[in-house]
Amino acid sequence: SAFGWLFIGPVPLAERRPPLAGPAPLHPERLCPERPLTPLEHALERQ
């Protein structure tokens, strides 16, 4: 294990990603904004 750390060096930290801002363009959730949510969808949203 020590030899491996010397061979590969320290592992870089994961890069920071910007926070998500909702579904991408043309995602199915953006295609039907005029359609109301079903009771199940409302319950899932509340949860």
All heavy atoms as atom14 arrays in JSON, in Angstrom:
{
  "sequence": "SAFGWLFIGPVPLAERRPPLAGPAPLHPERLCPERPLTPLEHALERQ",
  "atom14_mask": [
    [1, 1, 1, 1, 1, 1, 0, 0, 0, 0, 0, 0, 0, 0],
    [1, 1, 1, 1, 1, 0, 0, 0, 0, 0, 0, 0, 0, 0],
    [1, 1, 1, 1, 1, 1, 1, 1, 1, 1, 1, 0, 0, 0],
    [1, 1, 1, 1, 0, 0, 0, 0, 0, 0, 0, 0, 0, 0],
    [1, 1, 1, 1, 1, 1, 1, 1, 1, 1, 1, 1, 1, 1],
    [1, 1, 1, 1, 1, 1, 1, 1, 0, 0, 0, 0, 0, 0],
    [1, 1, 1, 1, 1, 1, 1, 1, 1, 1, 1, 0, 0, 0],
    [1, 1, 1, 1, 1, 1, 1, 1, 0, 0, 0, 0, 0, 0],
    [1, 1, 1, 1, 0, 0, 0, 0, 0, 0, 0, 0, 0, 0],
    [1, 1, 1, 1, 1, 1, 1, 0, 0, 0, 0, 0, 0, 0],
    [1, 1, 1, 1, 1, 1, 1, 0, 0, 0, 0, 0, 0, 0],
    [1, 1, 1, 1, 1, 1, 1, 0, 0, 0, 0, 0, 0, 0],
    [1, 1, 1, 1, 1, 1, 1, 1, 0, 0, 0, 0, 0, 0],
    [1, 1, 1, 1, 1, 0, 0, 0, 0, 0, 0, 0, 0, 0],
    [1, 1, 1, 1, 1, 1, 1, 1, 1, 0, 0, 0, 0, 0],
    [1, 1, 1, 1, 1, 1, 1, 1, 1, 1, 1, 0, 0, 0],
    [1, 1, 1, 1, 1, 1, 1, 1, 1, 1, 1, 0, 0, 0],
    [1, 1, 1, 1, 1, 1, 1, 0, 0, 0, 0, 0, 0, 0],
    [1, 1, 1, 1, 1, 1, 1, 0, 0, 0, 0, 0, 0, 0],
    [1, 1, 1, 1, 1, 1, 1, 1, 0, 0, 0, 0, 0, 0],
    [1, 1, 1, 1, 1, 0, 0, 0, 0, 0, 0, 0, 0, 0],
    [1, 1, 1, 1, 0, 0, 0, 0, 0, 0, 0, 0, 0, 0],
    [1, 1, 1, 1, 1, 1, 1, 0, 0, 0, 0, 0, 0, 0],
    [1, 1, 1, 1, 1, 0, 0, 0, 0, 0, 0, 0, 0, 0],
    [1, 1, 1, 1, 1, 1, 1, 0, 0, 0, 0, 0, 0, 0],
    [1, 1, 1, 1, 1, 1, 1, 1, 0, 0, 0, 0, 0, 0],
    [1, 1, 1, 1, 1, 1, 1, 1, 1, 1, 0, 0, 0, 0],
    [1, 1, 1, 1, 1, 1, 1, 0, 0, 0, 0, 0, 0, 0],
    [1, 1, 1, 1, 1, 1, 1, 1, 1, 0, 0, 0, 0, 0],
    [1, 1, 1, 1, 1, 1, 1, 1, 1, 1, 1, 0, 0, 0],
    [1, 1, 1, 1, 1, 1, 1, 1, 0, 0, 0, 0, 0, 0],
    [1, 1, 1, 1, 1, 1, 0, 0, 0, 0, 0, 0, 0, 0],
    [1, 1, 1, 1, 1, 1, 1, 0, 0, 0, 0, 0, 0, 0],
    [1, 1, 1, 1, 1, 1, 1, 1, 1, 0, 0, 0, 0, 0],
    [1, 1, 1, 1, 1, 1, 1, 1, 1, 1, 1, 0, 0, 0],
    [1, 1, 1, 1, 1, 1, 1, 0, 0, 0, 0, 0, 0, 0],
    [1, 1, 1, 1, 1, 1, 1, 1, 0, 0, 0, 0, 0, 0],
    [1, 1, 1, 1, 1, 1, 1, 0, 0, 0, 0, 0, 0, 0],
    [1, 1, 1, 1, 1, 1, 1, 0, 0, 0, 0, 0, 0, 0],
    [1, 1, 1, 1, 1, 1, 1, 1, 0, 0, 0, 0, 0, 0],
    [1, 1, 1, 1, 1, 1, 1, 1, 1, 0, 0, 0, 0, 0],
    [1, 1, 1, 1, 1, 1, 1, 1, 1, 1, 0, 0, 0, 0],
    [1, 1, 1, 1, 1, 0, 0, 0, 0, 0, 0, 0, 0, 0],
    [1, 1, 1, 1, 1, 1, 1, 1, 0, 0, 0, 0, 0, 0],
    [1, 1, 1, 1, 1, 1, 1, 1, 1, 0, 0, 0, 0, 0],
    [1, 1, 1, 1, 1, 1, 1, 1, 1, 1, 1, 0, 0, 0],
    [1, 1, 1, 1, 1, 1, 1, 1, 1, 0, 0, 0, 0, 0]
  ],
  "atom14_positions": [
    [[0.83, -1.19, 0.0], [0.0, 0.0, 0.0], [0.87, 1.25, 0.0], [0.62, 2.21, -0.75], [-0.92, -0.01, 1.21], [-1.7, 1.15, 1.26], [0.0, 0.0, 0.0], [0.0, 0.0, 0.0], [0.0, 0.0, 0.0], [0.0, 0.0, 0.0], [0.0, 0.0, 0.0], [0.0, 0.0, 0.0], [0.0, 0.0, 0.0], [0.0, 0.0, 0.0]],
    [[1.89, 1.28, 0.83], [2.8, 2.44, 0.87], [3.52, 2.6, -0.46], [3.66, 3.72, -0.97], [3.81, 2.25, 1.99], [0.0, 0.0, 0.0], [0.0, 0.0, 0.0], [0.0, 0.0, 0.0], [0.0, 0.0, 0.0], [0.0, 0.0, 0.0], [0.0, 0.0, 0.0], [0.0, 0.0, 0.0], [0.0, 0.0, 0.0], [0.0, 0.0, 0.0]],
    [[3.96, 1.5, -1.06], [4.62, 1.57, -2.36], [3.66, 2.12, -3.41], [4.04, 2.92, -4.26], [5.14, 0.19, -2.78], [5.78, 0.2, -4.14], [7.03, 0.77, -4.32], [5.12, -0.34, -5.22], [7.61, 0.8, -5.57], [5.7, -0.33, -6.48], [6.95, 0.24, -6.65], [0.0, 0.0, 0.0], [0.0, 0.0, 0.0], [0.0, 0.0, 0.0]],
    [[2.41, 1.71, -3.36], [1.42, 2.21, -4.31], [1.23, 3.7, -4.18], [1.13, 4.41, -5.19], [0.0, 0.0, 0.0], [0.0, 0.0, 0.0], [0.0, 0.0, 0.0], [0.0, 0.0, 0.0], [0.0, 0.0, 0.0], [0.0, 0.0, 0.0], [0.0, 0.0, 0.0], [0.0, 0.0, 0.0], [0.0, 0.0, 0.0], [0.0, 0.0, 0.0]],
    [[1.19, 4.22, -2.95], [1.03, 5.67, -2.77], [2.24, 6.42, -3.32], [2.1, 7.5, -3.88], [0.82, 6.01, -1.3], [-0.59, 5.81, -0.88], [-1.08, 4.84, -0.06], [-1.71, 6.6, -1.26], [-2.43, 4.98, 0.07], [-2.85, 6.05, -0.65], [-1.87, 7.71, -2.08], [-4.12, 6.57, -0.82], [-3.14, 8.24, -2.25], [-4.25, 7.67, -1.63]],
    [[3.43, 5.84, -3.17], [4.6, 6.48, -3.74], [4.57, 6.44, -5.26], [5.02, 7.36, -5.92], [5.88, 5.78, -3.24], [6.2, 5.99, -1.77], [7.39, 5.11, -1.38], [6.5, 7.45, -1.49], [0.0, 0.0, 0.0], [0.0, 0.0, 0.0], [0.0, 0.0, 0.0], [0.0, 0.0, 0.0], [0.0, 0.0, 0.0], [0.0, 0.0, 0.0]],
    [[4.02, 5.38, -5.81], [4.0, 5.22, -7.26], [2.97, 6.14, -7.91], [3.26, 6.8, -8.91], [3.7, 3.75, -7.6], [3.7, 3.47, -9.07], [4.89, 3.49, -9.79], [2.52, 3.19, -9.73], [4.89, 3.23, -11.14], [2.52, 2.93, -11.08], [3.71, 2.95, -11.79], [0.0, 0.0, 0.0], [0.0, 0.0, 0.0], [0.0, 0.0, 0.0]],
    [[1.74, 6.21, -7.37], [0.69, 7.01, -8.02], [0.61, 8.43, -7.49], [0.06, 9.31, -8.14], [-0.7, 6.35, -7.89], [-1.15, 6.3, -6.44], [-0.74, 5.0, -8.53], [-2.6, 5.91, -6.28], [0.0, 0.0, 0.0], [0.0, 0.0, 0.0], [0.0, 0.0, 0.0], [0.0, 0.0, 0.0], [0.0, 0.0, 0.0], [0.0, 0.0, 0.0]],
    [[1.15, 8.69, -6.33], [1.09, 10.02, -5.75], [-0.26, 10.27, -5.11], [-1.16, 9.42, -5.13], [0.0, 0.0, 0.0], [0.0, 0.0, 0.0], [0.0, 0.0, 0.0], [0.0, 0.0, 0.0], [0.0, 0.0, 0.0], [0.0, 0.0, 0.0], [0.0, 0.0, 0.0], [0.0, 0.0, 0.0], [0.0, 0.0, 0.0], [0.0, 0.0, 0.0]],
    [[-0.44, 11.45, -4.54], [-1.72, 11.75, -3.89], [-2.85, 11.87, -4.91], [-2.64, 12.31, -6.04], [-1.46, 13.08, -3.19], [-0.3, 13.67, -3.9], [0.52, 12.53, -4.43], [0.0, 0.0, 0.0], [0.0, 0.0, 0.0], [0.0, 0.0, 0.0], [0.0, 0.0, 0.0], [0.0, 0.0, 0.0], [0.0, 0.0, 0.0], [0.0, 0.0, 0.0]],
    [[-4.02, 11.47, -4.52], [-5.18, 11.53, -5.39], [-5.79, 12.92, -5.3], [-6.02, 13.43, -4.2], [-6.22, 10.46, -4.97], [-7.44, 10.52, -5.84], [-5.59, 9.09, -5.03], [0.0, 0.0, 0.0], [0.0, 0.0, 0.0], [0.0, 0.0, 0.0], [0.0, 0.0, 0.0], [0.0, 0.0, 0.0], [0.0, 0.0, 0.0], [0.0, 0.0, 0.0]],
    [[-6.03, 13.6, -6.44], [-6.6, 14.95, -6.38], [-8.04, 14.93, -5.86], [-8.76, 13.95, -6.02], [-6.56, 15.43, -7.83], [-6.52, 14.18, -8.64], [-5.82, 13.15, -7.8], [0.0, 0.0, 0.0], [0.0, 0.0, 0.0], [0.0, 0.0, 0.0], [0.0, 0.0, 0.0], [0.0, 0.0, 0.0], [0.0, 0.0, 0.0], [0.0, 0.0, 0.0]],
    [[-8.43, 16.02, -5.22], [-9.79, 16.14, -4.73], [-10.76, 16.23, -5.89], [-10.42, 16.69, -6.98], [-9.92, 17.39, -3.85], [-9.08, 17.4, -2.59], [-9.21, 18.74, -1.9], [-9.51, 16.28, -1.66], [0.0, 0.0, 0.0], [0.0, 0.0, 0.0], [0.0, 0.0, 0.0], [0.0, 0.0, 0.0], [0.0, 0.0, 0.0], [0.0, 0.0, 0.0]],
    [[-11.99, 15.8, -5.66], [-13.01, 15.85, -6.71], [-13.3, 17.31, -7.04], [-13.32, 18.18, -6.17], [-14.27, 15.15, -6.24], [0.0, 0.0, 0.0], [0.0, 0.0, 0.0], [0.0, 0.0, 0.0], [0.0, 0.0, 0.0], [0.0, 0.0, 0.0], [0.0, 0.0, 0.0], [0.0, 0.0, 0.0], [0.0, 0.0, 0.0], [0.0, 0.0, 0.0]],
    [[-13.51, 17.57, -8.31], [-13.79, 18.95, -8.72], [-15.19, 19.37, -8.26], [-16.09, 18.55, -8.14], [-13.68, 19.08, -10.23], [-14.65, 18.22, -10.99], [-14.44, 18.25, -12.48], [-13.28, 18.08, -12.9], [-15.42, 18.44, -13.2], [0.0, 0.0, 0.0], [0.0, 0.0, 0.0], [0.0, 0.0, 0.0], [0.0, 0.0, 0.0], [0.0, 0.0, 0.0]],
    [[-15.33, 20.65, -7.98], [-16.61, 21.17, -7.53], [-17.54, 21.34, -8.73], [-17.14, 21.84, -9.78], [-16.43, 22.53, -6.87], [-15.67, 22.45, -5.58], [-16.49, 21.75, -4.58], [-16.47, 22.49, -3.33], [-17.19, 22.15, -2.31], [-17.96, 21.12, -2.39], [-17.13, 22.83, -1.21], [0.0, 0.0, 0.0], [0.0, 0.0, 0.0], [0.0, 0.0, 0.0]],
    [[-18.78, 20.92, -8.57], [-19.77, 21.09, -9.62], [-20.78, 22.14, -9.18], [-21.11, 22.23, -8.01], [-20.5, 19.77, -9.88], [-19.61, 18.72, -10.46], [-20.38, 17.48, -10.77], [-19.48, 16.46, -11.27], [-19.84, 15.23, -11.49], [-21.06, 14.84, -11.25], [-18.97, 14.36, -11.95], [0.0, 0.0, 0.0], [0.0, 0.0, 0.0], [0.0, 0.0, 0.0]],
    [[-21.29, 22.92, -10.13], [-22.3, 23.91, -9.75], [-23.59, 23.2, -9.32], [-23.86, 22.08, -9.75], [-22.52, 24.72, -11.02], [-22.06, 23.84, -12.13], [-20.98, 22.96, -11.54], [0.0, 0.0, 0.0], [0.0, 0.0, 0.0], [0.0, 0.0, 0.0], [0.0, 0.0, 0.0], [0.0, 0.0, 0.0], [0.0, 0.0, 0.0], [0.0, 0.0, 0.0]],
    [[-24.38, 23.81, -8.45], [-25.64, 23.18, -8.02], [-26.59, 22.99, -9.2], [-26.57, 23.76, -10.17], [-26.21, 24.15, -6.99], [-25.53, 25.45, -7.27], [-24.19, 25.13, -7.87], [0.0, 0.0, 0.0], [0.0, 0.0, 0.0], [0.0, 0.0, 0.0], [0.0, 0.0, 0.0], [0.0, 0.0, 0.0], [0.0, 0.0, 0.0], [0.0, 0.0, 0.0]],
    [[-27.41, 21.97, -9.11], [-28.37, 21.7, -10.18], [-29.44, 22.77, -10.2], [-29.88, 23.26, -9.16], [-29.0, 20.32, -9.97], [-28.03, 19.14, -10.06], [-28.78, 17.85, -9.76], [-27.38, 19.07, -11.41], [0.0, 0.0, 0.0], [0.0, 0.0, 0.0], [0.0, 0.0, 0.0], [0.0, 0.0, 0.0], [0.0, 0.0, 0.0], [0.0, 0.0, 0.0]],
    [[-29.88, 23.12, -11.39], [-30.89, 24.17, -11.55], [-32.15, 23.63, -12.22], [-32.78, 24.32, -13.0], [-30.31, 25.33, -12.34], [0.0, 0.0, 0.0], [0.0, 0.0, 0.0], [0.0, 0.0, 0.0], [0.0, 0.0, 0.0], [0.0, 0.0, 0.0], [0.0, 0.0, 0.0], [0.0, 0.0, 0.0], [0.0, 0.0, 0.0], [0.0, 0.0, 0.0]],
    [[-32.49, 22.39, -11.95], [-33.69, 21.82, -12.55], [-33.37, 20.96, -13.76], [-32.21, 20.78, -14.12], [0.0, 0.0, 0.0], [0.0, 0.0, 0.0], [0.0, 0.0, 0.0], [0.0, 0.0, 0.0], [0.0, 0.0, 0.0], [0.0, 0.0, 0.0], [0.0, 0.0, 0.0], [0.0, 0.0, 0.0], [0.0, 0.0, 0.0], [0.0, 0.0, 0.0]],
    [[-34.39, 20.44, -14.39], [-34.18, 19.57, -15.55], [-33.55, 20.32, -16.73], [-33.73, 21.52, -16.89], [-35.58, 19.09, -15.91], [-36.42, 19.37, -14.74], [-35.79, 20.51, -14.02], [0.0, 0.0, 0.0], [0.0, 0.0, 0.0], [0.0, 0.0, 0.0], [0.0, 0.0, 0.0], [0.0, 0.0, 0.0], [0.0, 0.0, 0.0], [0.0, 0.0, 0.0]],
    [[-32.85, 19.6, -17.55], [-32.22, 20.17, -18.74], [-33.27, 20.53, -19.78], [-34.41, 20.05, -19.72], [-31.23, 19.16, -19.32], [0.0, 0.0, 0.0], [0.0, 0.0, 0.0], [0.0, 0.0, 0.0], [0.0, 0.0, 0.0], [0.0, 0.0, 0.0], [0.0, 0.0, 0.0], [0.0, 0.0, 0.0], [0.0, 0.0, 0.0], [0.0, 0.0, 0.0]],
    [[-32.92, 21.37, -20.75], [-33.88, 21.68, -21.82], [-34.3, 20.4, -22.54], [-33.52, 19.48, -22.71], [-33.09, 22.59, -22.75], [-31.99, 23.14, -21.93], [-31.68, 22.11, -20.89], [0.0, 0.0, 0.0], [0.0, 0.0, 0.0], [0.0, 0.0, 0.0], [0.0, 0.0, 0.0], [0.0, 0.0, 0.0], [0.0, 0.0, 0.0], [0.0, 0.0, 0.0]],
    [[-35.54, 20.35, -22.95], [-36.16, 19.21, -23.64], [-36.31, 17.97, -22.76], [-36.61, 16.9, -23.25], [-35.41, 18.85, -24.93], [-35.35, 19.95, -25.99], [-34.57, 19.47, -27.19], [-36.72, 20.41, -26.41], [0.0, 0.0, 0.0], [0.0, 0.0, 0.0], [0.0, 0.0, 0.0], [0.0, 0.0, 0.0], [0.0, 0.0, 0.0], [0.0, 0.0, 0.0]],
    [[-36.09, 18.12, -21.46], [-36.35, 17.02, -20.53], [-37.87, 16.86, -20.44], [-38.61, 17.84, -20.5], [-35.76, 17.35, -19.16], [-35.77, 16.2, -18.21], [-36.88, 15.87, -17.47], [-34.82, 15.3, -17.9], [-36.6, 14.83, -16.73], [-35.36, 14.46, -16.96], [0.0, 0.0, 0.0], [0.0, 0.0, 0.0], [0.0, 0.0, 0.0], [0.0, 0.0, 0.0]],
    [[-38.39, 15.64, -20.3], [-39.85, 15.44, -20.26], [-40.56, 16.3, -19.21], [-41.69, 16.7, -19.42], [-40.0, 13.96, -19.95], [-38.74, 13.33, -20.42], [-37.67, 14.37, -20.26], [0.0, 0.0, 0.0], [0.0, 0.0, 0.0], [0.0, 0.0, 0.0], [0.0, 0.0, 0.0], [0.0, 0.0, 0.0], [0.0, 0.0, 0.0], [0.0, 0.0, 0.0]],
    [[-39.91, 16.62, -18.11], [-40.56, 17.43, -17.09], [-40.74, 18.88, -17.54], [-41.55, 19.61, -17.0], [-39.77, 17.39, -15.79], [-39.85, 16.05, -15.11], [-39.07, 16.01, -13.81], [-38.47, 17.03, -13.44], [-39.06, 14.95, -13.19], [0.0, 0.0, 0.0], [0.0, 0.0, 0.0], [0.0, 0.0, 0.0], [0.0, 0.0, 0.0], [0.0, 0.0, 0.0]],
    [[-40.0, 19.31, -18.55], [-40.15, 20.67, -19.06], [-41.06, 20.72, -20.28], [-41.4, 21.8, -20.74], [-38.79, 21.25, -19.44], [-37.93, 21.5, -18.26], [-36.85, 22.47, -18.65], [-35.98, 22.65, -17.51], [-35.66, 23.82, -17.02], [-36.14, 24.9, -17.54], [-34.86, 23.91, -16.0], [0.0, 0.0, 0.0], [0.0, 0.0, 0.0], [0.0, 0.0, 0.0]],
    [[-41.46, 19.59, -20.82], [-42.24, 19.59, -22.05], [-43.72, 19.84, -21.82], [-44.41, 20.28, -22.73], [-42.04, 18.26, -22.79], [-40.62, 18.0, -23.28], [-40.55, 16.65, -23.96], [-40.17, 19.1, -24.22], [0.0, 0.0, 0.0], [0.0, 0.0, 0.0], [0.0, 0.0, 0.0], [0.0, 0.0, 0.0], [0.0, 0.0, 0.0], [0.0, 0.0, 0.0]],
    [[-44.25, 19.59, -20.63], [-45.69, 19.72, -20.37], [-45.96, 20.58, -19.14], [-46.56, 20.12, -18.17], [-46.32, 18.34, -20.18], [-46.14, 17.28, -21.59], [0.0, 0.0, 0.0], [0.0, 0.0, 0.0], [0.0, 0.0, 0.0], [0.0, 0.0, 0.0], [0.0, 0.0, 0.0], [0.0, 0.0, 0.0], [0.0, 0.0, 0.0], [0.0, 0.0, 0.0]],
    [[-45.59, 21.87, -19.15], [-45.84, 22.67, -17.96], [-47.31, 22.96, -17.72], [-47.71, 23.24, -16.6], [-45.06, 23.96, -18.24], [-44.99, 24.04, -19.71], [-44.94, 22.61, -20.2], [0.0, 0.0, 0.0], [0.0, 0.0, 0.0], [0.0, 0.0, 0.0], [0.0, 0.0, 0.0], [0.0, 0.0, 0.0], [0.0, 0.0, 0.0], [0.0, 0.0, 0.0]],
    [[-48.14, 22.87, -18.77], [-49.56, 23.17, -18.62], [-50.35, 22.01, -18.01], [-51.48, 22.18, -17.58], [-50.18, 23.55, -19.98], [-50.27, 22.42, -20.99], [-48.96, 22.13, -21.72], [-48.0, 22.89, -21.63], [-48.93, 21.08, -22.38], [0.0, 0.0, 0.0], [0.0, 0.0, 0.0], [0.0, 0.0, 0.0], [0.0, 0.0, 0.0], [0.0, 0.0, 0.0]],
    [[-49.74, 20.85, -17.96], [-50.41, 19.67, -17.43], [-50.27, 19.61, -15.92], [-49.16, 19.65, -15.4], [-49.76, 18.43, -18.05], [-50.63, 17.25, -18.12], [-50.03, 16.18, -18.97], [-50.55, 14.94, -18.45], [-50.06, 13.78, -18.7], [-49.02, 13.65, -19.47], [-50.62, 12.72, -18.2], [0.0, 0.0, 0.0], [0.0, 0.0, 0.0], [0.0, 0.0, 0.0]],
    [[-51.37, 19.53, -15.17], [-51.26, 19.52, -13.7], [-50.7, 18.19, -13.19], [-50.76, 17.17, -13.86], [-52.71, 19.71, -13.25], [-53.54, 19.2, -14.37], [-52.75, 19.47, -15.63], [0.0, 0.0, 0.0], [0.0, 0.0, 0.0], [0.0, 0.0, 0.0], [0.0, 0.0, 0.0], [0.0, 0.0, 0.0], [0.0, 0.0, 0.0], [0.0, 0.0, 0.0]],
    [[-50.17, 18.26, -11.97], [-49.62, 17.06, -11.35], [-50.75, 16.13, -10.9], [-51.83, 16.58, -10.51], [-48.78, 17.43, -10.13], [-47.52, 18.25, -10.39], [-46.86, 18.62, -9.08], [-46.56, 17.51, -11.28], [0.0, 0.0, 0.0], [0.0, 0.0, 0.0], [0.0, 0.0, 0.0], [0.0, 0.0, 0.0], [0.0, 0.0, 0.0], [0.0, 0.0, 0.0]],
    [[-50.47, 14.85, -10.93], [-51.43, 13.86, -10.45], [-51.38, 13.84, -8.92], [-50.43, 14.36, -8.32], [-51.1, 12.46, -10.99], [-49.84, 12.07, -10.45], [-51.04, 12.45, -12.51], [0.0, 0.0, 0.0], [0.0, 0.0, 0.0], [0.0, 0.0, 0.0], [0.0, 0.0, 0.0], [0.0, 0.0, 0.0], [0.0, 0.0, 0.0], [0.0, 0.0, 0.0]],
    [[-52.39, 13.26, -8.25], [-52.32, 13.17, -6.78], [-51.07, 12.44, -6.28], [-50.48, 12.83, -5.27], [-53.59, 12.4, -6.42], [-54.54, 12.67, -7.53], [-53.67, 12.8, -8.76], [0.0, 0.0, 0.0], [0.0, 0.0, 0.0], [0.0, 0.0, 0.0], [0.0, 0.0, 0.0], [0.0, 0.0, 0.0], [0.0, 0.0, 0.0], [0.0, 0.0, 0.0]],
    [[-50.65, 11.41, -6.99], [-49.43, 10.7, -6.6], [-48.21, 11.61, -6.72], [-47.35, 11.64, -5.85], [-49.24, 9.44, -7.46], [-47.94, 8.67, -7.24], [-47.86, 8.15, -5.81], [-47.81, 7.55, -8.23], [0.0, 0.0, 0.0], [0.0, 0.0, 0.0], [0.0, 0.0, 0.0], [0.0, 0.0, 0.0], [0.0, 0.0, 0.0], [0.0, 0.0, 0.0]],
    [[-48.15, 12.39, -7.79], [-47.03, 13.31, -7.98], [-47.02, 14.39, -6.9], [-45.96, 14.79, -6.43], [-47.09, 13.93, -9.38], [-46.78, 12.93, -10.48], [-47.08, 13.45, -11.87], [-47.93, 14.35, -12.0], [-46.45, 12.95, -12.83], [0.0, 0.0, 0.0], [0.0, 0.0, 0.0], [0.0, 0.0, 0.0], [0.0, 0.0, 0.0], [0.0, 0.0, 0.0]],
    [[-48.21, 14.87, -6.52], [-48.28, 15.85, -5.44], [-47.78, 15.24, -4.13], [-47.04, 15.89, -3.37], [-49.73, 16.34, -5.25], [-50.11, 17.45, -6.17], [-49.52, 18.69, -6.13], [-51.02, 17.5, -7.16], [-50.05, 19.46, -7.05], [-50.95, 18.76, -7.71], [0.0, 0.0, 0.0], [0.0, 0.0, 0.0], [0.0, 0.0, 0.0], [0.0, 0.0, 0.0]],
    [[-48.17, 14.0, -3.86], [-47.73, 13.33, -2.62], [-46.2, 13.15, -2.64], [-45.54, 13.36, -1.62], [-48.43, 11.98, -2.47], [0.0, 0.0, 0.0], [0.0, 0.0, 0.0], [0.0, 0.0, 0.0], [0.0, 0.0, 0.0], [0.0, 0.0, 0.0], [0.0, 0.0, 0.0], [0.0, 0.0, 0.0], [0.0, 0.0, 0.0], [0.0, 0.0, 0.0]],
    [[-45.66, 12.77, -3.78], [-44.21, 12.6, -3.88], [-43.48, 13.94, -3.71], [-42.44, 14.01, -3.05], [-43.84, 11.96, -5.23], [-44.23, 10.5, -5.4], [-44.0, 10.07, -6.84], [-43.45, 9.63, -4.45], [0.0, 0.0, 0.0], [0.0, 0.0, 0.0], [0.0, 0.0, 0.0], [0.0, 0.0, 0.0], [0.0, 0.0, 0.0], [0.0, 0.0, 0.0]],
    [[-44.04, 15.0, -4.27], [-43.45, 16.31, -4.13], [-43.44, 16.76, -2.66], [-42.44, 17.27, -2.16], [-44.19, 17.33, -4.99], [-43.59, 18.72, -4.92], [-44.35, 19.72, -5.75], [-45.6, 19.62, -5.85], [-43.7, 20.62, -6.27], [0.0, 0.0, 0.0], [0.0, 0.0, 0.0], [0.0, 0.0, 0.0], [0.0, 0.0, 0.0], [0.0, 0.0, 0.0]],
    [[-44.56, 16.54, -1.97], [-44.63, 16.89, -0.55], [-43.6, 16.08, 0.26], [-42.95, 16.61, 1.16], [-46.03, 16.63, 0.0], [-47.02, 17.73, -0.28], [-48.28, 17.57, 0.53], [-48.93, 16.27, 0.36], [-49.82, 15.97, -0.59], [-50.19, 16.89, -1.45], [-50.35, 14.79, -0.64], [0.0, 0.0, 0.0], [0.0, 0.0, 0.0], [0.0, 0.0, 0.0]],
    [[-43.46, 14.8, -0.08], [-42.52, 13.93, 0.63], [-41.08, 14.39, 0.39], [-40.27, 14.41, 1.31], [-42.71, 12.5, 0.18], [-41.84, 11.5, 0.9], [-42.04, 10.08, 0.39], [-42.76, 9.86, -0.58], [-41.4, 9.15, 1.03], [0.0, 0.0, 0.0], [0.0, 0.0, 0.0], [0.0, 0.0, 0.0], [0.0, 0.0, 0.0], [0.0, 0.0, 0.0]]
  ]
}
